[in-house]
Amino acid sequence: MDGFETTSIIRKGGADCDSQIPIIVLTADNTSQTRKKIFELDANDLVTKPVNGPFLFSKINKNASTKKLSKVA
């Protein structure tokens, strides 16, 4: 299973997942086709490799604040 399939399953509410959980895609493929596919799957954000730590954390903070995340039991 790749990230595209995983994102699709989550967004459809499968695998007992919260379908609205923020998804940030991490990829080395920064082509326009890949970007389009990622956002068509309703991912929240995209970070490309090589990863810049502060940039990644800013994306995490931005997306975590858009939805109140429930605690894992």
C-alpha atoms as a PDB file:
ATOM      1  CA  MET A   1       0.000   0.000   0.000  1.00  0.00           C
ATOM      2  CA  ASP A   2       1.397   3.386  -0.940  1.00  0.00           C
ATOM      3  CA  GLY A   3       0.590   6.831   0.398  1.00  0.00           C
ATOM      4  CA  PHE A   4      -2.013   7.512  -2.279  1.00  0.00           C
ATOM      5  CA  GLU A   5      -3.958   4.394  -1.343  1.00  0.00           C
ATOM      6  CA  THR A   6      -3.556   5.084   2.362  1.00  0.00           C
ATOM      7  CA  THR A   7      -4.838   8.655   1.987  1.00  0.00           C
ATOM      8  CA  SER A   8      -7.808   7.434  -0.034  1.00  0.00           C
ATOM      9  CA  ILE A   9      -8.733   4.839   2.610  1.00  0.00           C
ATOM     10  CA  ILE A  10      -8.474   7.395   5.422  1.00  0.00           C
ATOM     11  CA  ARG A  11     -10.591   9.973   3.572  1.00  0.00           C
ATOM     12  CA  LYS A  12     -13.268   7.348   2.925  1.00  0.00           C
ATOM     13  CA  GLY A  13     -13.412   6.648   6.674  1.00  0.00           C
ATOM     14  CA  GLY A  14     -11.927   3.181   6.344  1.00  0.00           C
ATOM     15  CA  ALA A  15      -9.692   1.304   8.788  1.00  0.00           C
ATOM     16  CA  ASP A  16     -11.528   2.892  11.734  1.00  0.00           C
ATOM     17  CA  CYS A  17      -9.811   6.227  11.028  1.00  0.00           C
ATOM     18  CA  ASP A  18     -11.103   9.728  11.565  1.00  0.00           C
ATOM     19  CA  SER A  19     -11.677  10.722   7.935  1.00  0.00           C
ATOM     20  CA  GLN A  20     -10.861  14.365   8.709  1.00  0.00           C
ATOM     21  CA  ILE A  21      -7.474  13.788  10.333  1.00  0.00           C
ATOM     22  CA  PRO A  22      -4.883  16.122   8.812  1.00  0.00           C
ATOM     23  CA  ILE A  23      -2.690  14.420   6.205  1.00  0.00           C
ATOM     24  CA  ILE A  24       0.643  15.959   5.239  1.00  0.00           C
ATOM     25  CA  VAL A  25       2.279  14.170   2.327  1.00  0.00           C
ATOM     26  CA  LEU A  26       6.071  13.842   2.351  1.00  0.00           C
ATOM     27  CA  THR A  27       7.471  13.136  -1.112  1.00  0.00           C
ATOM     28  CA  ALA A  28      10.538  13.490  -3.301  1.00  0.00           C
ATOM     29  CA  ASP A  29       8.320  13.746  -6.382  1.00  0.00           C
ATOM     30  CA  ASN A  30       7.456  17.413  -6.840  1.00  0.00           C
ATOM     31  CA  THR A  31       5.957  17.159 -10.319  1.00  0.00           C
ATOM     32  CA  SER A  32       2.713  18.945 -11.101  1.00  0.00           C
ATOM     33  CA  GLN A  33       1.036  15.570 -11.759  1.00  0.00           C
ATOM     34  CA  THR A  34       1.932  14.275  -8.305  1.00  0.00           C
ATOM     35  CA  ARG A  35       0.897  17.528  -6.614  1.00  0.00           C
ATOM     36  CA  LYS A  36      -2.454  17.410  -8.422  1.00  0.00           C
ATOM     37  CA  LYS A  37      -3.040  13.781  -7.430  1.00  0.00           C
ATOM     38  CA  ILE A  38      -2.156  14.484  -3.789  1.00  0.00           C
ATOM     39  CA  PHE A  39      -4.640  17.347  -3.509  1.00  0.00           C
ATOM     40  CA  GLU A  40      -7.333  15.468  -5.454  1.00  0.00           C
ATOM     41  CA  LEU A  41      -7.110  12.859  -2.682  1.00  0.00           C
ATOM     42  CA  ASP A  42      -7.851  15.696  -0.240  1.00  0.00           C
ATOM     43  CA  ALA A  43      -4.506  15.747   1.546  1.00  0.00           C
ATOM     44  CA  ASN A  44      -4.088  18.872   3.660  1.00  0.00           C
ATOM     45  CA  ASP A  45      -0.543  19.755   2.747  1.00  0.00           C
ATOM     46  CA  LEU A  46       2.644  18.693   0.989  1.00  0.00           C
ATOM     47  CA  VAL A  47       6.303  18.752   1.990  1.00  0.00           C
ATOM     48  CA  THR A  48       9.012  17.805  -0.479  1.00  0.00           C
ATOM     49  CA  LYS A  49      12.355  16.171   0.176  1.00  0.00           C
ATOM     50  CA  PRO A  50      14.936  17.055   1.210  1.00  0.00           C
ATOM     51  CA  VAL A  51      13.092  18.001   4.357  1.00  0.00           C
ATOM     52  CA  ASN A  52      13.735  21.299   6.072  1.00  0.00           C
ATOM     53  CA  GLY A  53      12.980  20.660   9.765  1.00  0.00           C
ATOM     54  CA  PRO A  54      11.546  24.060  10.709  1.00  0.00           C
ATOM     55  CA  PHE A  55       9.411  24.097   7.541  1.00  0.00           C
ATOM     56  CA  LEU A  56       8.036  20.612   8.283  1.00  0.00           C
ATOM     57  CA  PHE A  57       7.190  21.574  11.862  1.00  0.00           C
ATOM     58  CA  SER A  58       5.442  24.740  10.663  1.00  0.00           C
ATOM     59  CA  LYS A  59       3.259  22.583   8.364  1.00  0.00           C
ATOM     60  CA  ILE A  60       2.482  20.198  11.222  1.00  0.00           C
ATOM     61  CA  ASN A  61       1.542  23.068  13.538  1.00  0.00           C
ATOM     62  CA  LYS A  62      -0.601  24.742  10.871  1.00  0.00           C
ATOM     63  CA  ASN A  63      -2.520  21.569  10.055  1.00  0.00           C
ATOM     64  CA  ALA A  64      -2.857  20.326  13.628  1.00  0.00           C
ATOM     65  CA  SER A  65      -4.468  23.614  14.586  1.00  0.00           C
ATOM     66  CA  THR A  66      -7.129  23.326  11.850  1.00  0.00           C
ATOM     67  CA  LYS A  67      -8.830  20.416  13.583  1.00  0.00           C
ATOM     68  CA  LYS A  68      -9.041  19.468  17.213  1.00  0.00           C
ATOM     69  CA  LEU A  69      -7.328  16.108  17.367  1.00  0.00           C
ATOM     70  CA  SER A  70      -8.777  13.541  19.718  1.00  0.00           C
ATOM     71  CA  LYS A  71      -6.562  11.732  22.190  1.00  0.00           C
ATOM     72  CA  VAL A  72      -5.580   8.197  21.375  1.00  0.00           C
ATOM     73  CA  ALA A  73      -7.010   5.808  23.938  1.00  0.00           C
END
